[in-house]
Every structure is written in C-alpha cells, then in structure tokens.
Amino acid sequence: MQYTVSASALLAIIIFLRLRRRTEARSRFDETVTVVSAVTLGVLIAATPLGNALSSIVASFAAATH
C-alpha cells in the first residue's frame, strides 16, 4: 500500500499551525515566512480545478459588487 501527500495539503496544515500562534510572539522573519508560505499555497491551489472554481466564484462576487 502506498500513500501520497499533496504538497498543497501539507503546506495548508503548516500555515494553519503557524497562524494559531499569538501575534506578539512572532518576529518579522516569522511573519515573512508565513506570508511566503501562504503565497506559495495560493500558487499551488490556482493550478488545480478547485483553484479555477474558486477563482470563478470570486470573480462573480467581484462582478456583482460593481
């Protein structure tokens, strides 16, 4: 039996755990690493069908507000 782990799922778990910490305990470098991780997660998700669906939903909300 072989298991695979999606890179985007693993990155989402890491970001979730990093964001649970208190804001006062973070350094600037720690915040930068969190932001870079979140942007990387966005890029990984954008290439999937789920990312395309989310993009179209956000686009329809944006069009409805104008």
C-alpha atoms as a PDB file:
ATOM      1  CA  MET A   1       0.000   0.000   0.000  1.00  0.00           C
ATOM      2  CA  GLN A   2       1.352   3.395  -0.951  1.00  0.00           C
ATOM      3  CA  TYR A   3       0.325   6.759   0.459  1.00  0.00           C
ATOM      4  CA  THR A   4       0.807  10.132  -1.178  1.00  0.00           C
ATOM      5  CA  VAL A   5       0.622  13.569   0.376  1.00  0.00           C
ATOM      6  CA  SER A   6      -0.342  16.586  -1.635  1.00  0.00           C
ATOM      7  CA  ALA A   7       2.146  19.427  -1.320  1.00  0.00           C
ATOM      8  CA  SER A   8      -0.677  21.943  -1.086  1.00  0.00           C
ATOM      9  CA  ALA A   9      -2.405  19.991   1.699  1.00  0.00           C
ATOM     10  CA  LEU A  10       0.827  19.746   3.672  1.00  0.00           C
ATOM     11  CA  LEU A  11       1.513  23.457   3.181  1.00  0.00           C
ATOM     12  CA  ALA A  12      -2.039  24.328   4.278  1.00  0.00           C
ATOM     13  CA  ILE A  13      -1.540  22.383   7.513  1.00  0.00           C
ATOM     14  CA  ILE A  14       1.779  24.126   8.165  1.00  0.00           C
ATOM     15  CA  ILE A  15       0.225  27.562   7.571  1.00  0.00           C
ATOM     16  CA  PHE A  16      -2.710  26.722   9.844  1.00  0.00           C
ATOM     17  CA  LEU A  17      -0.370  25.694  12.645  1.00  0.00           C
ATOM     18  CA  ARG A  18       1.786  28.807  12.180  1.00  0.00           C
ATOM     19  CA  LEU A  19      -1.218  31.140  12.271  1.00  0.00           C
ATOM     20  CA  ARG A  20      -2.525  29.650  15.523  1.00  0.00           C
ATOM     21  CA  ARG A  21       0.369  31.230  17.431  1.00  0.00           C
ATOM     22  CA  ARG A  22      -0.084  34.551  19.165  1.00  0.00           C
ATOM     23  CA  THR A  23       0.778  37.617  17.112  1.00  0.00           C
ATOM     24  CA  GLU A  24       3.006  39.087  19.831  1.00  0.00           C
ATOM     25  CA  ALA A  25       5.257  36.014  19.730  1.00  0.00           C
ATOM     26  CA  ARG A  26       6.150  36.428  16.044  1.00  0.00           C
ATOM     27  CA  SER A  27       9.248  38.081  14.670  1.00  0.00           C
ATOM     28  CA  ARG A  28       9.395  39.875  11.335  1.00  0.00           C
ATOM     29  CA  PHE A  29      11.198  36.919   9.801  1.00  0.00           C
ATOM     30  CA  ASP A  30       8.499  34.569  11.110  1.00  0.00           C
ATOM     31  CA  GLU A  31       5.785  36.732   9.562  1.00  0.00           C
ATOM     32  CA  THR A  32       7.696  36.843   6.262  1.00  0.00           C
ATOM     33  CA  VAL A  33       7.967  33.048   6.174  1.00  0.00           C
ATOM     34  CA  THR A  34       4.227  32.763   6.838  1.00  0.00           C
ATOM     35  CA  VAL A  35       3.390  35.195   4.026  1.00  0.00           C
ATOM     36  CA  VAL A  36       5.685  33.439   1.560  1.00  0.00           C
ATOM     37  CA  SER A  37       4.124  30.099   2.515  1.00  0.00           C
ATOM     38  CA  ALA A  38       0.619  31.482   2.013  1.00  0.00           C
ATOM     39  CA  VAL A  39       1.504  32.884  -1.416  1.00  0.00           C
ATOM     40  CA  THR A  40       3.070  29.553  -2.400  1.00  0.00           C
ATOM     41  CA  LEU A  41      -0.096  27.772  -1.287  1.00  0.00           C
ATOM     42  CA  GLY A  42      -2.141  30.135  -3.437  1.00  0.00           C
ATOM     43  CA  VAL A  43       0.008  29.373  -6.464  1.00  0.00           C
ATOM     44  CA  LEU A  44      -0.274  25.616  -5.861  1.00  0.00           C
ATOM     45  CA  ILE A  45      -4.048  25.776  -5.495  1.00  0.00           C
ATOM     46  CA  ALA A  46      -4.533  28.062  -8.515  1.00  0.00           C
ATOM     47  CA  ALA A  47      -3.284  25.354 -10.894  1.00  0.00           C
ATOM     48  CA  THR A  48      -5.969  22.873  -9.817  1.00  0.00           C
ATOM     49  CA  PRO A  49      -9.633  22.582 -10.823  1.00  0.00           C
ATOM     50  CA  LEU A  50     -10.535  23.663  -7.280  1.00  0.00           C
ATOM     51  CA  GLY A  51      -8.448  26.790  -7.760  1.00  0.00           C
ATOM     52  CA  ASN A  52     -10.183  27.541 -11.045  1.00  0.00           C
ATOM     53  CA  ALA A  53     -13.585  27.112  -9.388  1.00  0.00           C
ATOM     54  CA  LEU A  54     -12.617  29.412  -6.513  1.00  0.00           C
ATOM     55  CA  SER A  55     -11.319  31.956  -8.985  1.00  0.00           C
ATOM     56  CA  SER A  56     -14.605  31.978 -10.898  1.00  0.00           C
ATOM     57  CA  ILE A  57     -16.604  32.328  -7.660  1.00  0.00           C
ATOM     58  CA  VAL A  58     -14.510  35.272  -6.529  1.00  0.00           C
ATOM     59  CA  ALA A  59     -14.791  36.823  -9.987  1.00  0.00           C
ATOM     60  CA  SER A  60     -18.594  36.526  -9.904  1.00  0.00           C
ATOM     61  CA  PHE A  61     -18.689  38.163  -6.453  1.00  0.00           C
ATOM     62  CA  ALA A  62     -16.453  40.949  -7.702  1.00  0.00           C
ATOM     63  CA  ALA A  63     -18.666  41.473 -10.758  1.00  0.00           C
ATOM     64  CA  ALA A  64     -21.784  41.567  -8.568  1.00  0.00           C
ATOM     65  CA  THR A  65     -20.389  44.386  -6.431  1.00  0.00           C
ATOM     66  CA  HIS A  66     -19.869  46.731  -9.387  1.00  0.00           C
END
